[in-house]
């Protein structure tokens, strides 16, 4: 199964589970991170950092092979940049990203997608890969569509 088919499977599963059932945003994040990590086992980390203060992210529901950082300031790291700019950020090689926050020694590439509800940033979806250039426009467009389910 190619990557596009895998994302289609994830979207179908997520819609079946999340649509039509009353669930808060944390529950939806937990379900979505589980569905994504189950399909993309090669990812090192897949999870959400929630906005808890004006410029501070705190770890939320996640799945992964590593422990997550507890808090990330909007002025630091890939998650901080995505939160600050409200744009998806793809980093092919984290060792070349200024201000990268290393929480583990397995992450090589990263994609971070902002989660916006009613024009307000509520979280970012952070996914770490173990290969240079692991994420592309297909990942971006698919993940941006998925976070809209939250």
C-alpha atoms as a PDB file:
ATOM      1  CA  UNK A   1       0.000   0.000   0.000  1.00  0.00           C
ATOM      2  CA  UNK A   2       1.472   3.387  -0.957  1.00  0.00           C
ATOM      3  CA  UNK A   3       1.438   6.462   1.270  1.00  0.00           C
ATOM      4  CA  UNK A   4      -1.649   7.999  -0.350  1.00  0.00           C
ATOM      5  CA  UNK A   5      -3.618   4.789   0.244  1.00  0.00           C
ATOM      6  CA  UNK A   6      -2.428   4.677   3.834  1.00  0.00           C
ATOM      7  CA  UNK A   7      -3.665   8.226   4.447  1.00  0.00           C
ATOM      8  CA  UNK A   8      -7.006   7.364   2.823  1.00  0.00           C
ATOM      9  CA  UNK A   9      -7.309   4.421   5.213  1.00  0.00           C
ATOM     10  CA  UNK A  10      -6.451   6.672   8.181  1.00  0.00           C
ATOM     11  CA  UNK A  11      -9.017   9.288   7.105  1.00  0.00           C
ATOM     12  CA  UNK A  12     -11.740   6.679   6.632  1.00  0.00           C
ATOM     13  CA  UNK A  13     -11.036   5.158  10.044  1.00  0.00           C
ATOM     14  CA  UNK A  14     -10.830   8.544  11.764  1.00  0.00           C
ATOM     15  CA  UNK A  15     -14.112   9.722  10.247  1.00  0.00           C
ATOM     16  CA  UNK A  16     -15.850   6.484  11.238  1.00  0.00           C
ATOM     17  CA  UNK A  17     -14.667   6.828  14.844  1.00  0.00           C
ATOM     18  CA  UNK A  18     -14.795  10.603  15.363  1.00  0.00           C
ATOM     19  CA  UNK A  19     -17.774  11.849  13.400  1.00  0.00           C
ATOM     20  CA  UNK A  20     -21.140  11.614  15.057  1.00  0.00           C
ATOM     21  CA  UNK A  21     -19.869  10.766  18.524  1.00  0.00           C
ATOM     22  CA  UNK A  22     -19.688  13.372  21.280  1.00  0.00           C
ATOM     23  CA  UNK A  23     -16.048  13.556  22.355  1.00  0.00           C
ATOM     24  CA  UNK A  24     -13.881  16.417  23.611  1.00  0.00           C
ATOM     25  CA  UNK A  25     -10.781  17.572  21.749  1.00  0.00           C
ATOM     26  CA  UNK A  26      -8.373  15.633  23.989  1.00  0.00           C
ATOM     27  CA  UNK A  27     -10.215  12.403  23.278  1.00  0.00           C
ATOM     28  CA  UNK A  28     -10.145  13.135  19.557  1.00  0.00           C
ATOM     29  CA  UNK A  29      -6.403  13.841  19.723  1.00  0.00           C
ATOM     30  CA  UNK A  30      -5.823  10.553  21.536  1.00  0.00           C
ATOM     31  CA  UNK A  31      -7.806   8.580  18.957  1.00  0.00           C
ATOM     32  CA  UNK A  32      -6.185  10.335  16.002  1.00  0.00           C
ATOM     33  CA  UNK A  33      -2.617   9.879  17.281  1.00  0.00           C
ATOM     34  CA  UNK A  34      -3.348   6.191  17.859  1.00  0.00           C
ATOM     35  CA  UNK A  35      -4.810   5.675  14.380  1.00  0.00           C
ATOM     36  CA  UNK A  36      -1.888   7.488  12.734  1.00  0.00           C
ATOM     37  CA  UNK A  37       0.855   5.690  14.677  1.00  0.00           C
ATOM     38  CA  UNK A  38      -0.823   2.326  14.073  1.00  0.00           C
ATOM     39  CA  UNK A  39      -0.741   2.922  10.325  1.00  0.00           C
ATOM     40  CA  UNK A  40       2.692   4.578  10.193  1.00  0.00           C
ATOM     41  CA  UNK A  41       4.680   2.347  12.514  1.00  0.00           C
ATOM     42  CA  UNK A  42       7.922   3.708  11.050  1.00  0.00           C
ATOM     43  CA  UNK A  43       7.352   7.093  12.705  1.00  0.00           C
ATOM     44  CA  UNK A  44       9.313   7.727  15.890  1.00  0.00           C
ATOM     45  CA  UNK A  45       6.639   9.947  17.469  1.00  0.00           C
ATOM     46  CA  UNK A  46       3.113  11.100  16.643  1.00  0.00           C
ATOM     47  CA  UNK A  47       1.269  13.351  19.031  1.00  0.00           C
ATOM     48  CA  UNK A  48      -0.194  16.642  20.045  1.00  0.00           C
ATOM     49  CA  UNK A  49       1.094  19.578  22.015  1.00  0.00           C
ATOM     50  CA  UNK A  50      -1.811  21.602  23.383  1.00  0.00           C
ATOM     51  CA  UNK A  51      -1.837  25.347  23.947  1.00  0.00           C
ATOM     52  CA  UNK A  52      -2.033  25.840  27.726  1.00  0.00           C
ATOM     53  CA  UNK A  53      -0.978  29.477  27.984  1.00  0.00           C
ATOM     54  CA  UNK A  54      -0.639  32.302  25.504  1.00  0.00           C
ATOM     55  CA  UNK A  55       2.750  31.119  24.187  1.00  0.00           C
ATOM     56  CA  UNK A  56       3.263  27.729  25.749  1.00  0.00           C
ATOM     57  CA  UNK A  57       2.582  24.224  24.459  1.00  0.00           C
ATOM     58  CA  UNK A  58       2.187  21.234  26.775  1.00  0.00           C
ATOM     59  CA  UNK A  59       2.348  17.595  25.777  1.00  0.00           C
ATOM     60  CA  UNK A  60      -1.023  16.077  25.045  1.00  0.00           C
ATOM     61  CA  UNK A  61      -2.070  12.682  23.750  1.00  0.00           C
ATOM     62  CA  UNK A  62       0.684  10.909  21.831  1.00  0.00           C
ATOM     63  CA  UNK A  63       2.022   7.587  20.632  1.00  0.00           C
ATOM     64  CA  UNK A  64       5.679   6.901  20.186  1.00  0.00           C
ATOM     65  CA  UNK A  65       8.879   5.079  20.833  1.00  0.00           C
ATOM     66  CA  UNK A  66      10.343   7.980  22.829  1.00  0.00           C
ATOM     67  CA  UNK A  67       9.355  10.214  25.718  1.00  0.00           C
ATOM     68  CA  UNK A  68       8.069  13.626  24.704  1.00  0.00           C
ATOM     69  CA  UNK A  69       9.225  17.026  25.884  1.00  0.00           C
ATOM     70  CA  UNK A  70       6.811  18.321  28.533  1.00  0.00           C
ATOM     71  CA  UNK A  71       6.567  21.967  27.486  1.00  0.00           C
ATOM     72  CA  UNK A  72       7.599  23.939  24.413  1.00  0.00           C
ATOM     73  CA  UNK A  73       7.680  27.712  24.224  1.00  0.00           C
ATOM     74  CA  UNK A  74       6.339  29.312  21.021  1.00  0.00           C
ATOM     75  CA  UNK A  75       9.823  30.821  20.498  1.00  0.00           C
ATOM     76  CA  UNK A  76      11.615  27.457  20.387  1.00  0.00           C
ATOM     77  CA  UNK A  77      11.799  24.480  18.104  1.00  0.00           C
ATOM     78  CA  UNK A  78       9.728  23.274  15.179  1.00  0.00           C
ATOM     79  CA  UNK A  79       6.544  23.016  17.257  1.00  0.00           C
ATOM     80  CA  UNK A  80       7.035  26.559  18.508  1.00  0.00           C
ATOM     81  CA  UNK A  81       7.489  27.880  14.979  1.00  0.00           C
ATOM     82  CA  UNK A  82       4.333  26.143  13.763  1.00  0.00           C
ATOM     83  CA  UNK A  83       2.375  27.451  16.744  1.00  0.00           C
ATOM     84  CA  UNK A  84       3.719  30.980  16.341  1.00  0.00           C
ATOM     85  CA  UNK A  85       3.119  31.172  12.556  1.00  0.00           C
ATOM     86  CA  UNK A  86       0.025  28.929  12.481  1.00  0.00           C
ATOM     87  CA  UNK A  87       1.523  27.186   9.461  1.00  0.00           C
ATOM     88  CA  UNK A  88       2.664  23.646   8.798  1.00  0.00           C
ATOM     89  CA  UNK A  89       6.427  23.271   9.095  1.00  0.00           C
ATOM     90  CA  UNK A  90       8.373  20.464   7.421  1.00  0.00           C
ATOM     91  CA  UNK A  91      11.999  19.943   8.401  1.00  0.00           C
ATOM     92  CA  UNK A  92      13.974  17.496   6.267  1.00  0.00           C
ATOM     93  CA  UNK A  93      16.920  17.352   8.676  1.00  0.00           C
ATOM     94  CA  UNK A  94      16.406  18.555  12.242  1.00  0.00           C
ATOM     95  CA  UNK A  95      20.155  18.979  12.778  1.00  0.00           C
ATOM     96  CA  UNK A  96      19.969  21.929  10.374  1.00  0.00           C
ATOM     97  CA  UNK A  97      16.988  23.622  12.037  1.00  0.00           C
ATOM     98  CA  UNK A  98      18.010  26.631  14.168  1.00  0.00           C
ATOM     99  CA  UNK A  99      16.759  26.216  17.734  1.00  0.00           C
ATOM    100  CA  UNK A 100      15.734  22.585  17.285  1.00  0.00           C
ATOM    101  CA  UNK A 101      14.733  20.980  20.592  1.00  0.00           C
ATOM    102  CA  UNK A 102      16.094  17.461  20.807  1.00  0.00           C
ATOM    103  CA  UNK A 103      13.957  15.210  22.990  1.00  0.00           C
ATOM    104  CA  UNK A 104      15.535  11.990  21.684  1.00  0.00           C
ATOM    105  CA  UNK A 105      18.371  10.707  19.500  1.00  0.00           C
ATOM    106  CA  UNK A 106      16.144   8.933  16.939  1.00  0.00           C
ATOM    107  CA  UNK A 107      14.408  11.891  15.275  1.00  0.00           C
ATOM    108  CA  UNK A 108      15.912  12.985  11.963  1.00  0.00           C
ATOM    109  CA  UNK A 109      13.004  14.756  10.231  1.00  0.00           C
ATOM    110  CA  UNK A 110       9.797  16.373  11.448  1.00  0.00           C
ATOM    111  CA  UNK A 111       6.450  17.760  10.368  1.00  0.00           C
ATOM    112  CA  UNK A 112       4.292  19.945  12.616  1.00  0.00           C
ATOM    113  CA  UNK A 113       0.708  20.892  11.728  1.00  0.00           C
ATOM    114  CA  UNK A 114      -1.272  23.575  13.587  1.00  0.00           C
ATOM    115  CA  UNK A 115      -4.708  22.615  14.904  1.00  0.00           C
ATOM    116  CA  UNK A 116      -7.016  25.602  14.600  1.00  0.00           C
ATOM    117  CA  UNK A 117     -10.629  25.656  15.735  1.00  0.00           C
ATOM    118  CA  UNK A 118     -12.843  28.713  15.329  1.00  0.00           C
ATOM    119  CA  UNK A 119      -9.779  30.759  14.284  1.00  0.00           C
ATOM    120  CA  UNK A 120      -7.981  29.888  17.538  1.00  0.00           C
ATOM    121  CA  UNK A 121      -4.846  27.743  17.788  1.00  0.00           C
ATOM    122  CA  UNK A 122      -5.603  24.897  20.202  1.00  0.00           C
ATOM    123  CA  UNK A 123      -2.683  22.543  19.516  1.00  0.00           C
ATOM    124  CA  UNK A 124      -0.075  21.336  17.063  1.00  0.00           C
ATOM    125  CA  UNK A 125       0.299  17.821  15.677  1.00  0.00           C
ATOM    126  CA  UNK A 126       3.967  16.819  15.860  1.00  0.00           C
ATOM    127  CA  UNK A 127       5.313  13.854  13.894  1.00  0.00           C
ATOM    128  CA  UNK A 128       8.943  12.757  13.965  1.00  0.00           C
ATOM    129  CA  UNK A 129      10.631  10.502  11.431  1.00  0.00           C
ATOM    130  CA  UNK A 130      13.892   8.585  11.456  1.00  0.00           C
ATOM    131  CA  UNK A 131      14.908   9.367   7.860  1.00  0.00           C
ATOM    132  CA  UNK A 132      16.097  12.573   6.182  1.00  0.00           C
ATOM    133  CA  UNK A 133      13.335  14.117   4.051  1.00  0.00           C
ATOM    134  CA  UNK A 134      10.668  11.717   5.281  1.00  0.00           C
ATOM    135  CA  UNK A 135       7.781  14.206   4.981  1.00  0.00           C
ATOM    136  CA  UNK A 136       6.409  15.966   1.898  1.00  0.00           C
ATOM    137  CA  UNK A 137       3.384  17.799   0.504  1.00  0.00           C
ATOM    138  CA  UNK A 138       1.257  14.616   0.610  1.00  0.00           C
ATOM    139  CA  UNK A 139       1.914  14.330   4.344  1.00  0.00           C
ATOM    140  CA  UNK A 140       1.144  18.021   4.792  1.00  0.00           C
ATOM    141  CA  UNK A 141      -2.150  18.018   2.890  1.00  0.00           C
ATOM    142  CA  UNK A 142      -3.298  14.743   4.441  1.00  0.00           C
ATOM    143  CA  UNK A 143      -2.453  15.753   8.007  1.00  0.00           C
ATOM    144  CA  UNK A 144      -3.994  19.216   7.587  1.00  0.00           C
ATOM    145  CA  UNK A 145      -7.232  17.511   6.506  1.00  0.00           C
ATOM    146  CA  UNK A 146      -7.091  15.063   9.413  1.00  0.00           C
ATOM    147  CA  UNK A 147      -6.653  17.703  12.131  1.00  0.00           C
ATOM    148  CA  UNK A 148      -9.837  19.394  10.922  1.00  0.00           C
ATOM    149  CA  UNK A 149     -11.678  16.412  12.454  1.00  0.00           C
ATOM    150  CA  UNK A 150     -10.712  17.753  15.890  1.00  0.00           C
END
